[in-house]
Amino acid sequence: MLLIKNGRVCGAPAKSDVLIKDGKIDEISENITGVGQAKVIDAAGLVVAPGFFDMHVHFRDPGLEYKEDIVSGANAAAAGGVTTCICMPNTLPVADTKGTIEYILEKAAAAPITVLPAGAVTV
């Protein structure tokens, strides 16, 4: 169990608490008490929001990893609250073959977020 207290919850009119049980939101209200062994996070001064989805990222992997790679890009995205992103296919080689898409998915397995490839339709 996880209790996030005193946060500014997206969609809620006032400072609220969020109780999470078994990985799902169980309750959102202004003052949740009596949760026993719950881990408590004080979110005073913070915004509590669902994970963000970025539909257009340029991780430049494969081929241009000196700019950014899948894992470094995913780490930066996670730090900003993104939980899922889609990589654009402008890589070297272009992500337009099964092999390149498989490469991206294999590298994405080590990422802290869900990374999905967008495939080009050039082949």
PDB file of N, CA and C in Angstrom:
ATOM      1  N   MET A   1       0.837  -1.177   0.000  1.00  0.00           N
ATOM      2  CA  MET A   1       0.000   0.000   0.000  1.00  0.00           C
ATOM      3  C   MET A   1       0.887   1.247   0.000  1.00  0.00           C
ATOM      4  N   LEU A   2       0.433   2.269  -0.723  1.00  0.00           N
ATOM      5  CA  LEU A   2       1.153   3.536  -0.838  1.00  0.00           C
ATOM      6  C   LEU A   2       0.168   4.664  -0.618  1.00  0.00           C
ATOM      7  N   LEU A   3       0.543   5.621   0.213  1.00  0.00           N
ATOM      8  CA  LEU A   3      -0.284   6.789   0.480  1.00  0.00           C
ATOM      9  C   LEU A   3       0.508   8.032   0.091  1.00  0.00           C
ATOM     10  N   ILE A   4      -0.002   8.758  -0.891  1.00  0.00           N
ATOM     11  CA  ILE A   4       0.603  10.023  -1.309  1.00  0.00           C
ATOM     12  C   ILE A   4      -0.229  11.123  -0.669  1.00  0.00           C
ATOM     13  N   LYS A   5       0.400  11.906   0.209  1.00  0.00           N
ATOM     14  CA  LYS A   5      -0.321  12.910   0.991  1.00  0.00           C
ATOM     15  C   LYS A   5       0.008  14.320   0.536  1.00  0.00           C
ATOM     16  N   ASN A   6      -0.981  15.196   0.687  1.00  0.00           N
ATOM     17  CA  ASN A   6      -0.815  16.644   0.560  1.00  0.00           C
ATOM     18  C   ASN A   6      -0.459  17.134  -0.841  1.00  0.00           C
ATOM     19  N   GLY A   7      -0.700  16.343  -1.859  1.00  0.00           N
ATOM     20  CA  GLY A   7      -0.344  16.751  -3.212  1.00  0.00           C
ATOM     21  C   GLY A   7      -1.455  17.508  -3.906  1.00  0.00           C
ATOM     22  N   ARG A   8      -1.083  18.192  -4.946  1.00  0.00           N
ATOM     23  CA  ARG A   8      -2.067  18.856  -5.807  1.00  0.00           C
ATOM     24  C   ARG A   8      -2.403  17.856  -6.908  1.00  0.00           C
ATOM     25  N   VAL A   9      -3.490  17.150  -6.750  1.00  0.00           N
ATOM     26  CA  VAL A   9      -3.873  16.062  -7.645  1.00  0.00           C
ATOM     27  C   VAL A   9      -4.577  16.632  -8.874  1.00  0.00           C
ATOM     28  N   CYS A  10      -4.101  16.256 -10.053  1.00  0.00           N
ATOM     29  CA  CYS A  10      -4.734  16.697 -11.297  1.00  0.00           C
ATOM     30  C   CYS A  10      -6.203  16.310 -11.289  1.00  0.00           C
ATOM     31  N   GLY A  11      -7.074  17.274 -11.529  1.00  0.00           N
ATOM     32  CA  GLY A  11      -8.502  17.013 -11.578  1.00  0.00           C
ATOM     33  C   GLY A  11      -9.212  17.177 -10.248  1.00  0.00           C
ATOM     34  N   ALA A  12      -8.478  17.301  -9.159  1.00  0.00           N
ATOM     35  CA  ALA A  12      -9.103  17.483  -7.852  1.00  0.00           C
ATOM     36  C   ALA A  12      -9.122  18.980  -7.516  1.00  0.00           C
ATOM     37  N   PRO A  13     -10.191  19.469  -6.868  1.00  0.00           N
ATOM     38  CA  PRO A  13     -10.306  20.903  -6.608  1.00  0.00           C
ATOM     39  C   PRO A  13      -9.390  21.442  -5.505  1.00  0.00           C
ATOM     40  N   ALA A  14      -8.880  20.570  -4.647  1.00  0.00           N
ATOM     41  CA  ALA A  14      -8.062  21.023  -3.520  1.00  0.00           C
ATOM     42  C   ALA A  14      -6.920  20.051  -3.290  1.00  0.00           C
ATOM     43  N   LYS A  15      -6.033  20.423  -2.366  1.00  0.00           N
ATOM     44  CA  LYS A  15      -4.956  19.516  -1.964  1.00  0.00           C
ATOM     45  C   LYS A  15      -5.582  18.190  -1.554  1.00  0.00           C
ATOM     46  N   SER A  16      -4.999  17.084  -2.010  1.00  0.00           N
ATOM     47  CA  SER A  16      -5.615  15.779  -1.771  1.00  0.00           C
ATOM     48  C   SER A  16      -4.582  14.718  -1.446  1.00  0.00           C
ATOM     49  N   ASP A  17      -5.066  13.615  -0.919  1.00  0.00           N
ATOM     50  CA  ASP A  17      -4.277  12.417  -0.691  1.00  0.00           C
ATOM     51  C   ASP A  17      -4.724  11.352  -1.692  1.00  0.00           C
ATOM     52  N   VAL A  18      -3.805  10.470  -2.055  1.00  0.00           N
ATOM     53  CA  VAL A  18      -4.115   9.369  -2.963  1.00  0.00           C
ATOM     54  C   VAL A  18      -3.663   8.078  -2.304  1.00  0.00           C
ATOM     55  N   LEU A  19      -4.564   7.123  -2.171  1.00  0.00           N
ATOM     56  CA  LEU A  19      -4.235   5.820  -1.606  1.00  0.00           C
ATOM     57  C   LEU A  19      -4.180   4.809  -2.740  1.00  0.00           C
ATOM     58  N   ILE A  20      -3.057   4.095  -2.827  1.00  0.00           N
ATOM     59  CA  ILE A  20      -2.866   3.085  -3.859  1.00  0.00           C
ATOM     60  C   ILE A  20      -2.754   1.721  -3.195  1.00  0.00           C
ATOM     61  N   LYS A  21      -3.600   0.794  -3.634  1.00  0.00           N
ATOM     62  CA  LYS A  21      -3.587  -0.584  -3.127  1.00  0.00           C
ATOM     63  C   LYS A  21      -3.428  -1.526  -4.303  1.00  0.00           C
ATOM     64  N   ASP A  22      -2.546  -2.462  -4.185  1.00  0.00           N
ATOM     65  CA  ASP A  22      -2.318  -3.468  -5.235  1.00  0.00           C
ATOM     66  C   ASP A  22      -2.077  -2.825  -6.597  1.00  0.00           C
ATOM     67  N   GLY A  23      -1.356  -1.697  -6.601  1.00  0.00           N
ATOM     68  CA  GLY A  23      -0.991  -1.038  -7.847  1.00  0.00           C
ATOM     69  C   GLY A  23      -2.089  -0.225  -8.495  1.00  0.00           C
ATOM     70  N   LYS A  24      -3.224  -0.048  -7.814  1.00  0.00           N
ATOM     71  CA  LYS A  24      -4.342   0.710  -8.376  1.00  0.00           C
ATOM     72  C   LYS A  24      -4.810   1.767  -7.387  1.00  0.00           C
ATOM     73  N   ILE A  25      -5.291   2.885  -7.923  1.00  0.00           N
ATOM     74  CA  ILE A  25      -5.819   3.938  -7.062  1.00  0.00           C
ATOM     75  C   ILE A  25      -7.076   3.414  -6.378  1.00  0.00           C
ATOM     76  N   ASP A  26      -7.066   3.486  -5.051  1.00  0.00           N
ATOM     77  CA  ASP A  26      -8.185   3.005  -4.251  1.00  0.00           C
ATOM     78  C   ASP A  26      -9.065   4.164  -3.768  1.00  0.00           C
ATOM     79  N   GLU A  27      -8.412   5.308  -3.470  1.00  0.00           N
ATOM     80  CA  GLU A  27      -9.168   6.434  -2.922  1.00  0.00           C
ATOM     81  C   GLU A  27      -8.414   7.728  -3.176  1.00  0.00           C
ATOM     82  N   ILE A  28      -9.158   8.779  -3.458  1.00  0.00           N
ATOM     83  CA  ILE A  28      -8.618  10.140  -3.520  1.00  0.00           C
ATOM     84  C   ILE A  28      -9.537  10.998  -2.669  1.00  0.00           C
ATOM     85  N   SER A  29      -8.982  11.635  -1.635  1.00  0.00           N
ATOM     86  CA  SER A  29      -9.780  12.539  -0.805  1.00  0.00           C
ATOM     87  C   SER A  29      -8.849  13.507  -0.086  1.00  0.00           C
ATOM     88  N   GLU A  30      -9.437  14.479   0.611  1.00  0.00           N
ATOM     89  CA  GLU A  30      -8.633  15.543   1.223  1.00  0.00           C
ATOM     90  C   GLU A  30      -7.768  15.072   2.384  1.00  0.00           C
ATOM     91  N   ASN A  31      -8.173  14.037   3.114  1.00  0.00           N
ATOM     92  CA  ASN A  31      -7.364  13.588   4.250  1.00  0.00           C
ATOM     93  C   ASN A  31      -7.625  12.111   4.514  1.00  0.00           C
ATOM     94  N   ILE A  32      -6.797  11.270   3.976  1.00  0.00           N
ATOM     95  CA  ILE A  32      -6.938   9.834   4.177  1.00  0.00           C
ATOM     96  C   ILE A  32      -6.141   9.458   5.429  1.00  0.00           C
ATOM     97  N   THR A  33      -6.779   8.738   6.336  1.00  0.00           N
ATOM     98  CA  THR A  33      -6.122   8.290   7.570  1.00  0.00           C
ATOM     99  C   THR A  33      -6.424   6.817   7.797  1.00  0.00           C
ATOM    100  N   GLY A  34      -5.751   6.238   8.791  1.00  0.00           N
ATOM    101  CA  GLY A  34      -6.040   4.870   9.203  1.00  0.00           C
ATOM    102  C   GLY A  34      -5.647   3.812   8.200  1.00  0.00           C
ATOM    103  N   VAL A  35      -4.484   3.984   7.547  1.00  0.00           N
ATOM    104  CA  VAL A  35      -4.068   3.005   6.548  1.00  0.00           C
ATOM    105  C   VAL A  35      -2.952   2.097   7.055  1.00  0.00           C
ATOM    106  N   GLY A  36      -2.628   2.193   8.329  1.00  0.00           N
ATOM    107  CA  GLY A  36      -1.687   1.254   8.941  1.00  0.00           C
ATOM    108  C   GLY A  36      -0.294   1.262   8.344  1.00  0.00           C
ATOM    109  N   GLN A  37       0.088   0.170   7.701  1.00  0.00           N
ATOM    110  CA  GLN A  37       1.448  -0.054   7.231  1.00  0.00           C
ATOM    111  C   GLN A  37       1.761   0.550   5.856  1.00  0.00           C
ATOM    112  N   ALA A  38       0.955   1.454   5.378  1.00  0.00           N
ATOM    113  CA  ALA A  38       1.193   2.039   4.053  1.00  0.00           C
ATOM    114  C   ALA A  38       2.487   2.859   4.059  1.00  0.00           C
ATOM    115  N   LYS A  39       3.229   2.776   2.971  1.00  0.00           N
ATOM    116  CA  LYS A  39       4.366   3.676   2.768  1.00  0.00           C
ATOM    117  C   LYS A  39       3.776   5.043   2.461  1.00  0.00           C
ATOM    118  N   VAL A  40       4.289   6.095   3.102  1.00  0.00           N
ATOM    119  CA  VAL A  40       3.742   7.434   2.943  1.00  0.00           C
ATOM    120  C   VAL A  40       4.755   8.314   2.227  1.00  0.00           C
ATOM    121  N   ILE A  41       4.276   9.009   1.194  1.00  0.00           N
ATOM    122  CA  ILE A  41       5.080  10.005   0.485  1.00  0.00           C
ATOM    123  C   ILE A  41       4.413  11.352   0.693  1.00  0.00           C
ATOM    124  N   ASP A  42       5.168  12.328   1.208  1.00  0.00           N
ATOM    125  CA  ASP A  42       4.637  13.675   1.381  1.00  0.00           C
ATOM    126  C   ASP A  42       4.847  14.438   0.082  1.00  0.00           C
ATOM    127  N   ALA A  43       3.765  14.762  -0.591  1.00  0.00           N
ATOM    128  CA  ALA A  43       3.831  15.447  -1.885  1.00  0.00           C
ATOM    129  C   ALA A  43       3.482  16.924  -1.756  1.00  0.00           C
ATOM    130  N   ALA A  44       3.663  17.504  -0.576  1.00  0.00           N
ATOM    131  CA  ALA A  44       3.372  18.924  -0.374  1.00  0.00           C
ATOM    132  C   ALA A  44       4.179  19.755  -1.371  1.00  0.00           C
ATOM    133  N   GLY A  45       3.498  20.648  -2.062  1.00  0.00           N
ATOM    134  CA  GLY A  45       4.145  21.501  -3.041  1.00  0.00           C
ATOM    135  C   GLY A  45       4.371  20.837  -4.393  1.00  0.00           C
ATOM    136  N   LEU A  46       3.902  19.596  -4.542  1.00  0.00           N
ATOM    137  CA  LEU A  46       4.101  18.854  -5.789  1.00  0.00           C
ATOM    138  C   LEU A  46       2.764  18.571  -6.469  1.00  0.00           C
ATOM    139  N   VAL A  47       2.831  18.288  -7.762  1.00  0.00           N
ATOM    140  CA  VAL A  47       1.650  17.899  -8.526  1.00  0.00           C
ATOM    141  C   VAL A  47       1.635  16.375  -8.640  1.00  0.00           C
ATOM    142  N   VAL A  48       0.509  15.769  -8.373  1.00  0.00           N
ATOM    143  CA  VAL A  48       0.332  14.331  -8.520  1.00  0.00           C
ATOM    144  C   VAL A  48      -0.494  14.116  -9.789  1.00  0.00           C
ATOM    145  N   ALA A  49       0.107  13.440 -10.762  1.00  0.00           N
ATOM    146  CA  ALA A  49      -0.545  13.266 -12.061  1.00  0.00           C
ATOM    147  C   ALA A  49      -0.296  11.858 -12.572  1.00  0.00           C
ATOM    148  N   PRO A  50      -1.118  11.422 -13.516  1.00  0.00           N
ATOM    149  CA  PRO A  50      -0.822  10.140 -14.158  1.00  0.00           C
ATOM    150  C   PRO A  50       0.442  10.273 -14.996  1.00  0.00           C
ATOM    151  N   GLY A  51       1.032   9.158 -15.373  1.00  0.00           N
ATOM    152  CA  GLY A  51       2.202   9.202 -16.233  1.00  0.00           C
ATOM    153  C   GLY A  51       1.860   9.816 -17.574  1.00  0.00           C
ATOM    154  N   PHE A  52       2.792  10.578 -18.122  1.00  0.00           N
ATOM    155  CA  PHE A  52       2.560  11.247 -19.400  1.00  0.00           C
ATOM    156  C   PHE A  52       2.983  10.348 -20.558  1.00  0.00           C
ATOM    157  N   PHE A  53       2.394  10.592 -21.723  1.00  0.00           N
ATOM    158  CA  PHE A  53       2.647   9.830 -22.942  1.00  0.00           C
ATOM    159  C   PHE A  53       3.197  10.804 -23.975  1.00  0.00           C
ATOM    160  N   ASP A  54       4.414  10.564 -24.450  1.00  0.00           N
ATOM    161  CA  ASP A  54       5.038  11.430 -25.456  1.00  0.00           C
ATOM    162  C   ASP A  54       5.035  10.686 -26.782  1.00  0.00           C
ATOM    163  N   MET A  55       4.246  11.160 -27.722  1.00  0.00           N
ATOM    164  CA  MET A  55       4.068  10.464 -28.999  1.00  0.00           C
ATOM    165  C   MET A  55       5.123  10.806 -30.043  1.00  0.00           C
ATOM    166  N   HIS A  56       6.112  11.635 -29.700  1.00  0.00           N
ATOM    167  CA  HIS A  56       7.054  12.074 -30.729  1.00  0.00           C
ATOM    168  C   HIS A  56       8.412  12.385 -30.098  1.00  0.00           C
ATOM    169  N   VAL A  57       9.256  11.351 -29.985  1.00  0.00           N
ATOM    170  CA  VAL A  57      10.603  11.553 -29.443  1.00  0.00           C
ATOM    171  C   VAL A  57      11.637  11.157 -30.488  1.00  0.00           C
ATOM    172  N   HIS A  58      12.815  11.743 -30.367  1.00  0.00           N
ATOM    173  CA  HIS A  58      13.933  11.450 -31.263  1.00  0.00           C
ATOM    174  C   HIS A  58      15.086  10.913 -30.420  1.00  0.00           C
ATOM    175  N   PHE A  59      15.101   9.608 -30.204  1.00  0.00           N
ATOM    176  CA  PHE A  59      16.166   8.995 -29.413  1.00  0.00           C
ATOM    177  C   PHE A  59      17.394   8.668 -30.259  1.00  0.00           C
ATOM    178  N   ARG A  60      17.300   8.766 -31.568  1.00  0.00           N
ATOM    179  CA  ARG A  60      18.430   8.685 -32.511  1.00  0.00           C
ATOM    180  C   ARG A  60      19.198   7.375 -32.496  1.00  0.00           C
ATOM    181  N   ASP A  61      18.556   6.349 -32.014  1.00  0.00           N
ATOM    182  CA  ASP A  61      19.203   5.045 -31.907  1.00  0.00           C
ATOM    183  C   ASP A  61      18.346   4.052 -32.691  1.00  0.00           C
ATOM    184  N   PRO A  62      18.917   3.415 -33.717  1.00  0.00           N
ATOM    185  CA  PRO A  62      20.319   3.179 -34.015  1.00  0.00           C
ATOM    186  C   PRO A  62      20.938   4.265 -34.905  1.00  0.00           C
ATOM    187  N   GLY A  63      22.265   4.303 -34.827  1.00  0.00           N
ATOM    188  CA  GLY A  63      23.062   5.060 -35.768  1.00  0.00           C
ATOM    189  C   GLY A  63      23.538   6.420 -35.342  1.00  0.00           C
ATOM    190  N   LEU A  64      22.796   7.102 -34.499  1.00  0.00           N
ATOM    191  CA  LEU A  64      23.194   8.447 -34.083  1.00  0.00           C
ATOM    192  C   LEU A  64      23.258   8.538 -32.557  1.00  0.00           C
ATOM    193  N   GLU A  65      23.772   7.475 -31.946  1.00  0.00           N
ATOM    194  CA  GLU A  65      23.778   7.387 -30.483  1.00  0.00           C
ATOM    195  C   GLU A  65      24.609   8.474 -29.815  1.00  0.00           C
ATOM    196  N   TYR A  66      25.506   9.105 -30.551  1.00  0.00           N
ATOM    197  CA  TYR A  66      26.292  10.183 -29.956  1.00  0.00           C
ATOM    198  C   TYR A  66      25.381  11.375 -29.597  1.00  0.00           C
ATOM    199  N   LYS A  67      24.224  11.466 -30.231  1.00  0.00           N
ATOM    200  CA  LYS A  67      23.257  12.510 -29.886  1.00  0.00           C
ATOM    201  C   LYS A  67      22.413  12.085 -28.676  1.00  0.00           C
ATOM    202  N   GLU A  68      21.908  10.865 -28.734  1.00  0.00           N
ATOM    203  CA  GLU A  68      21.101  10.288 -27.655  1.00  0.00           C
ATOM    204  C   GLU A  68      20.812   8.850 -28.033  1.00  0.00           C
ATOM    205  N   ASP A  69      20.685   7.990 -27.024  1.00  0.00           N
ATOM    206  CA  ASP A  69      20.291   6.621 -27.324  1.00  0.00           C
ATOM    207  C   ASP A  69      18.976   6.309 -26.614  1.00  0.00           C
ATOM    208  N   ILE A  70      18.489   5.129 -26.816  1.00  0.00           N
ATOM    209  CA  ILE A  70      17.179   4.765 -26.279  1.00  0.00           C
ATOM    210  C   ILE A  70      17.151   4.845 -24.757  1.00  0.00           C
ATOM    211  N   VAL A  71      18.159   4.316 -24.095  1.00  0.00           N
ATOM    212  CA  VAL A  71      18.148   4.294 -22.631  1.00  0.00           C
ATOM    213  C   VAL A  71      18.345   5.695 -22.048  1.00  0.00           C
ATOM    214  N   SER A  72      19.275   6.484 -22.595  1.00  0.00           N
ATOM    215  CA  SER A  72      19.474   7.835 -22.047  1.00  0.00           C
ATOM    216  C   SER A  72      18.238   8.703 -22.288  1.00  0.00           C
ATOM    217  N   GLY A  73      17.618   8.562 -23.456  1.00  0.00           N
ATOM    218  CA  GLY A  73      16.390   9.306 -23.731  1.00  0.00           C
ATOM    219  C   GLY A  73      15.254   8.882 -22.828  1.00  0.00           C
ATOM    220  N   ALA A  74      15.139   7.583 -22.599  1.00  0.00           N
ATOM    221  CA  ALA A  74      14.085   7.069 -21.724  1.00  0.00           C
ATOM    222  C   ALA A  74      14.305   7.522 -20.282  1.00  0.00           C
ATOM    223  N   ASN A  75      15.553   7.580 -19.839  1.00  0.00           N
ATOM    224  CA  ASN A  75      15.844   8.077 -18.490  1.00  0.00           C
ATOM    225  C   ASN A  75      15.424   9.538 -18.345  1.00  0.00           C
ATOM    226  N   ALA A  76      15.722  10.350 -19.351  1.00  0.00           N
ATOM    227  CA  ALA A  76      15.334  11.760 -19.313  1.00  0.00           C
ATOM    228  C   ALA A  76      13.809  11.891 -19.321  1.00  0.00           C
ATOM    229  N   ALA A  77      13.157  11.097 -20.148  1.00  0.00           N
ATOM    230  CA  ALA A  77      11.692  11.136 -20.211  1.00  0.00           C
ATOM    231  C   ALA A  77      11.086  10.751 -18.862  1.00  0.00           C
ATOM    232  N   ALA A  78      11.618   9.698 -18.246  1.00  0.00           N
ATOM    233  CA  ALA A  78      11.105   9.254 -16.948  1.00  0.00           C
ATOM    234  C   ALA A  78      11.264  10.343 -15.893  1.00  0.00           C
ATOM    235  N   ALA A  79      12.376  11.067 -15.931  1.00  0.00           N
ATOM    236  CA  ALA A  79      12.606  12.147 -14.971  1.00  0.00           C
ATOM    237  C   ALA A  79      11.563  13.250 -15.119  1.00  0.00           C
ATOM    238  N   GLY A  80      10.982  13.378 -16.317  1.00  0.00           N
ATOM    239  CA  GLY A  80       9.963  14.379 -16.553  1.00  0.00           C
ATOM    240  C   GLY A  80       8.542  13.875 -16.396  1.00  0.00           C
ATOM    241  N   GLY A  81       8.364  12.653 -15.937  1.00  0.00           N
ATOM    242  CA  GLY A  81       7.026  12.129 -15.697  1.00  0.00           C
ATOM    243  C   GLY A  81       6.432  11.347 -16.852  1.00  0.00           C
ATOM    244  N   VAL A  82       7.225  11.110 -17.898  1.00  0.00           N
ATOM    245  CA  VAL A  82       6.739  10.336 -19.041  1.00  0.00           C
ATOM    246  C   VAL A  82       6.865   8.855 -18.710  1.00  0.00           C
ATOM    247  N   THR A  83       5.817   8.082 -19.002  1.00  0.00           N
ATOM    248  CA  THR A  83       5.858   6.642 -18.754  1.00  0.00           C
ATOM    249  C   THR A  83       5.842   5.826 -20.039  1.00  0.00           C
ATOM    250  N   THR A  84       5.461   6.460 -21.160  1.00  0.00           N
ATOM    251  CA  THR A  84       5.448   5.795 -22.465  1.00  0.00           C
ATOM    252  C   THR A  84       5.807   6.818 -23.536  1.00  0.00           C
ATOM    253  N   CYS A  85       6.628   6.385 -24.508  1.00  0.00           N
ATOM    254  CA  CYS A  85       6.950   7.277 -25.615  1.00  0.00           C
ATOM    255  C   CYS A  85       7.081   6.478 -26.910  1.00  0.00           C
ATOM    256  N   ILE A  86       6.994   7.207 -28.022  1.00  0.00           N
ATOM    257  CA  ILE A  86       7.131   6.596 -29.344  1.00  0.00           C
ATOM    258  C   ILE A  86       8.317   7.248 -30.049  1.00  0.00           C
ATOM    259  N   CYS A  87       9.292   6.422 -30.451  1.00  0.00           N
ATOM    260  CA  CYS A  87      10.493   6.889 -31.144  1.00  0.00           C
ATOM    261  C   CYS A  87      10.197   7.104 -32.621  1.00  0.00           C
ATOM    262  N   MET A  88      10.585   8.247 -33.133  1.00  0.00           N
ATOM    263  CA  MET A  88      10.447   8.510 -34.559  1.00  0.00           C
ATOM    264  C   MET A  88      11.476   7.683 -35.335  1.00  0.00           C
ATOM    265  N   PRO A  89      11.177   7.333 -36.592  1.00  0.00           N
ATOM    266  CA  PRO A  89      12.022   6.413 -37.346  1.00  0.00           C
ATOM    267  C   PRO A  89      13.207   7.046 -38.070  1.00  0.00           C
ATOM    268  N   ASN A  90      13.504   8.316 -37.819  1.00  0.00           N
ATOM    269  CA  ASN A  90      14.604   8.970 -38.535  1.00  0.00           C
ATOM    270  C   ASN A  90      15.945   8.639 -37.883  1.00  0.00           C
ATOM    271  N   THR A  91      16.351   7.407 -38.084  1.00  0.00           N
ATOM    272  CA  THR A  91      17.592   6.866 -37.531  1.00  0.00           C
ATOM    273  C   THR A  91      18.452   6.374 -38.687  1.00  0.00           C
ATOM    274  N   LEU A  92      19.639   5.865 -38.377  1.00  0.00           N
ATOM    275  CA  LEU A  92      20.535   5.292 -39.395  1.00  0.00           C
ATOM    276  C   LEU A  92      20.851   3.855 -39.001  1.00  0.00           C
ATOM    277  N   PRO A  93      20.292   2.861 -39.602  1.00  0.00           N
ATOM    278  CA  PRO A  93      19.364   2.925 -40.726  1.00  0.00           C
ATOM    279  C   PRO A  93      17.982   3.397 -40.280  1.00  0.00           C
ATOM    280  N   VAL A  94      17.191   3.827 -41.265  1.00  0.00           N
ATOM    281  CA  VAL A  94      15.810   4.219 -40.994  1.00  0.00           C
ATOM    282  C   VAL A  94      15.073   3.010 -40.422  1.00  0.00           C
ATOM    283  N   ALA A  95      14.201   3.275 -39.480  1.00  0.00           N
ATOM    284  CA  ALA A  95      13.428   2.190 -38.855  1.00  0.00           C
ATOM    285  C   ALA A  95      12.291   1.780 -39.790  1.00  0.00           C
ATOM    286  N   ASP A  96      12.666   1.022 -40.825  1.00  0.00           N
ATOM    287  CA  ASP A  96      11.669   0.590 -41.803  1.00  0.00           C
ATOM    288  C   ASP A  96      11.786  -0.893 -42.135  1.00  0.00           C
ATOM    289  N   THR A  97      12.517  -1.627 -41.293  1.00  0.00           N
ATOM    290  CA  THR A  97      12.629  -3.073 -41.493  1.00  0.00           C
ATOM    291  C   THR A  97      12.354  -3.786 -40.173  1.00  0.00           C
ATOM    292  N   LYS A  98      12.014  -5.033 -40.292  1.00  0.00           N
ATOM    293  CA  LYS A  98      11.767  -5.859 -39.100  1.00  0.00           C
ATOM    294  C   LYS A  98      12.995  -5.867 -38.186  1.00  0.00           C
ATOM    295  N   GLY A  99      14.179  -5.995 -38.771  1.00  0.00           N
ATOM    296  CA  GLY A  99      15.401  -6.054 -37.971  1.00  0.00           C
ATOM    297  C   GLY A  99      15.649  -4.792 -37.165  1.00  0.00           C
ATOM    298  N   THR A 100      15.421  -3.634 -37.760  1.00  0.00           N
ATOM    299  CA  THR A 100      15.639  -2.373 -37.040  1.00  0.00           C
ATOM    300  C   THR A 100      14.604  -2.196 -35.939  1.00  0.00           C
ATOM    301  N   ILE A 101      13.366  -2.550 -36.215  1.00  0.00           N
ATOM    302  CA  ILE A 101      12.321  -2.457 -35.194  1.00  0.00           C
ATOM    303  C   ILE A 101      12.635  -3.415 -34.040  1.00  0.00           C
ATOM    304  N   GLU A 102      13.087  -4.619 -34.335  1.00  0.00           N
ATOM    305  CA  GLU A 102      13.461  -5.571 -33.281  1.00  0.00           C
ATOM    306  C   GLU A 102      14.619  -5.030 -32.450  1.00  0.00           C
ATOM    307  N   TYR A 103      15.602  -4.399 -33.101  1.00  0.00           N
ATOM    308  CA  TYR A 103      16.733  -3.786 -32.383  1.00  0.00           C
ATOM    309  C   TYR A 103      16.216  -2.741 -31.386  1.00  0.00           C
ATOM    310  N   ILE A 104      15.320  -1.882 -31.833  1.00  0.00           N
ATOM    311  CA  ILE A 104      14.784  -0.832 -30.960  1.00  0.00           C
ATOM    312  C   ILE A 104      14.042  -1.455 -29.778  1.00  0.00           C
ATOM    313  N   LEU A 105      13.237  -2.467 -30.035  1.00  0.00           N
ATOM    314  CA  LEU A 105      12.498  -3.125 -28.954  1.00  0.00           C
ATOM    315  C   LEU A 105      13.425  -3.819 -27.961  1.00  0.00           C
ATOM    316  N   GLU A 106      14.501  -4.427 -28.461  1.00  0.00           N
ATOM    317  CA  GLU A 106      15.468  -5.076 -27.564  1.00  0.00           C
ATOM    318  C   GLU A 106      16.152  -4.048 -26.673  1.00  0.00           C
ATOM    319  N   LYS A 107      16.585  -2.931 -27.240  1.00  0.00           N
ATOM    320  CA  LYS A 107      17.217  -1.872 -26.435  1.00  0.00           C
ATOM    321  C   LYS A 107      16.207  -1.271 -25.448  1.00  0.00           C
ATOM    322  N   ALA A 108      14.959  -1.148 -25.884  1.00  0.00           N
ATOM    323  CA  ALA A 108      13.923  -0.561 -25.040  1.00  0.00           C
ATOM    324  C   ALA A 108      13.619  -1.421 -23.818  1.00  0.00           C
ATOM    325  N   ALA A 109      13.927  -2.701 -23.891  1.00  0.00           N
ATOM    326  CA  ALA A 109      13.669  -3.592 -22.748  1.00  0.00           C
ATOM    327  C   ALA A 109      14.465  -3.169 -21.516  1.00  0.00           C
ATOM    328  N   ALA A 110      15.580  -2.456 -21.712  1.00  0.00           N
ATOM    329  CA  ALA A 110      16.402  -1.999 -20.593  1.00  0.00           C
ATOM    330  C   ALA A 110      15.990  -0.607 -20.101  1.00  0.00           C
ATOM    331  N   ALA A 111      14.998  -0.006 -20.716  1.00  0.00           N
ATOM    332  CA  ALA A 111      14.568   1.347 -20.368  1.00  0.00           C
ATOM    333  C   ALA A 111      13.632   1.331 -19.158  1.00  0.00           C
ATOM    334  N   PRO A 112      13.609   2.418 -18.379  1.00  0.00           N
ATOM    335  CA  PRO A 112      12.728   2.478 -17.209  1.00  0.00           C
ATOM    336  C   PRO A 112      11.273   2.794 -17.548  1.00  0.00           C
ATOM    337  N   ILE A 113      10.987   3.049 -18.822  1.00  0.00           N
ATOM    338  CA  ILE A 113       9.634   3.352 -19.272  1.00  0.00           C
ATOM    339  C   ILE A 113       9.321   2.483 -20.489  1.00  0.00           C
ATOM    340  N   THR A 114       8.105   2.549 -20.975  1.00  0.00           N
ATOM    341  CA  THR A 114       7.736   1.841 -22.197  1.00  0.00           C
ATOM    342  C   THR A 114       8.161   2.682 -23.397  1.00  0.00           C
ATOM    343  N   VAL A 115       9.000   2.108 -24.252  1.00  0.00           N
ATOM    344  CA  VAL A 115       9.467   2.783 -25.462  1.00  0.00           C
ATOM    345  C   VAL A 115       8.963   1.983 -26.650  1.00  0.00           C
ATOM    346  N   LEU A 116       8.205   2.631 -27.520  1.00  0.00           N
ATOM    347  CA  LEU A 116       7.631   1.987 -28.689  1.00  0.00           C
ATOM    348  C   LEU A 116       8.206   2.615 -29.952  1.00  0.00           C
ATOM    349  N   PRO A 117       8.476   1.825 -30.977  1.00  0.00           N
ATOM    350  CA  PRO A 117       8.997   2.385 -32.219  1.00  0.00           C
ATOM    351  C   PRO A 117       7.876   2.780 -33.184  1.00  0.00           C
ATOM    352  N   ALA A 118       8.116   3.847 -33.924  1.00  0.00           N
ATOM    353  CA  ALA A 118       7.276   4.183 -35.062  1.00  0.00           C
ATOM    354  C   ALA A 118       8.058   3.736 -36.291  1.00  0.00           C
ATOM    355  N   GLY A 119       7.441   2.948 -37.134  1.00  0.00           N
ATOM    356  CA  GLY A 119       8.126   2.460 -38.315  1.00  0.00           C
ATOM    357  C   GLY A 119       7.847   3.336 -39.528  1.00  0.00           C
ATOM    358  N   ALA A 120       8.878   3.579 -40.329  1.00  0.00           N
ATOM    359  CA  ALA A 120       8.705   4.297 -41.580  1.00  0.00           C
ATOM    360  C   ALA A 120       8.144   3.330 -42.623  1.00  0.00           C
ATOM    361  N   VAL A 121       7.447   3.840 -43.600  1.00  0.00           N
ATOM    362  CA  VAL A 121       6.870   2.992 -44.631  1.00  0.00           C
ATOM    363  C   VAL A 121       7.619   3.175 -45.952  1.00  0.00           C
ATOM    364  N   THR A 122       8.933   3.305 -45.867  1.00  0.00           N
ATOM    365  CA  THR A 122       9.740   3.578 -47.049  1.00  0.00           C
ATOM    366  C   THR A 122      10.144   2.329 -47.817  1.00  0.00           C
ATOM    367  N   VAL A 123      10.068   1.150 -47.185  1.00  0.00           N
ATOM    368  CA  VAL A 123      10.459  -0.072 -47.874  1.00  0.00           C
ATOM    369  C   VAL A 123       9.235  -0.701 -48.519  1.00  0.00           C
TER     370      VAL A 123
END
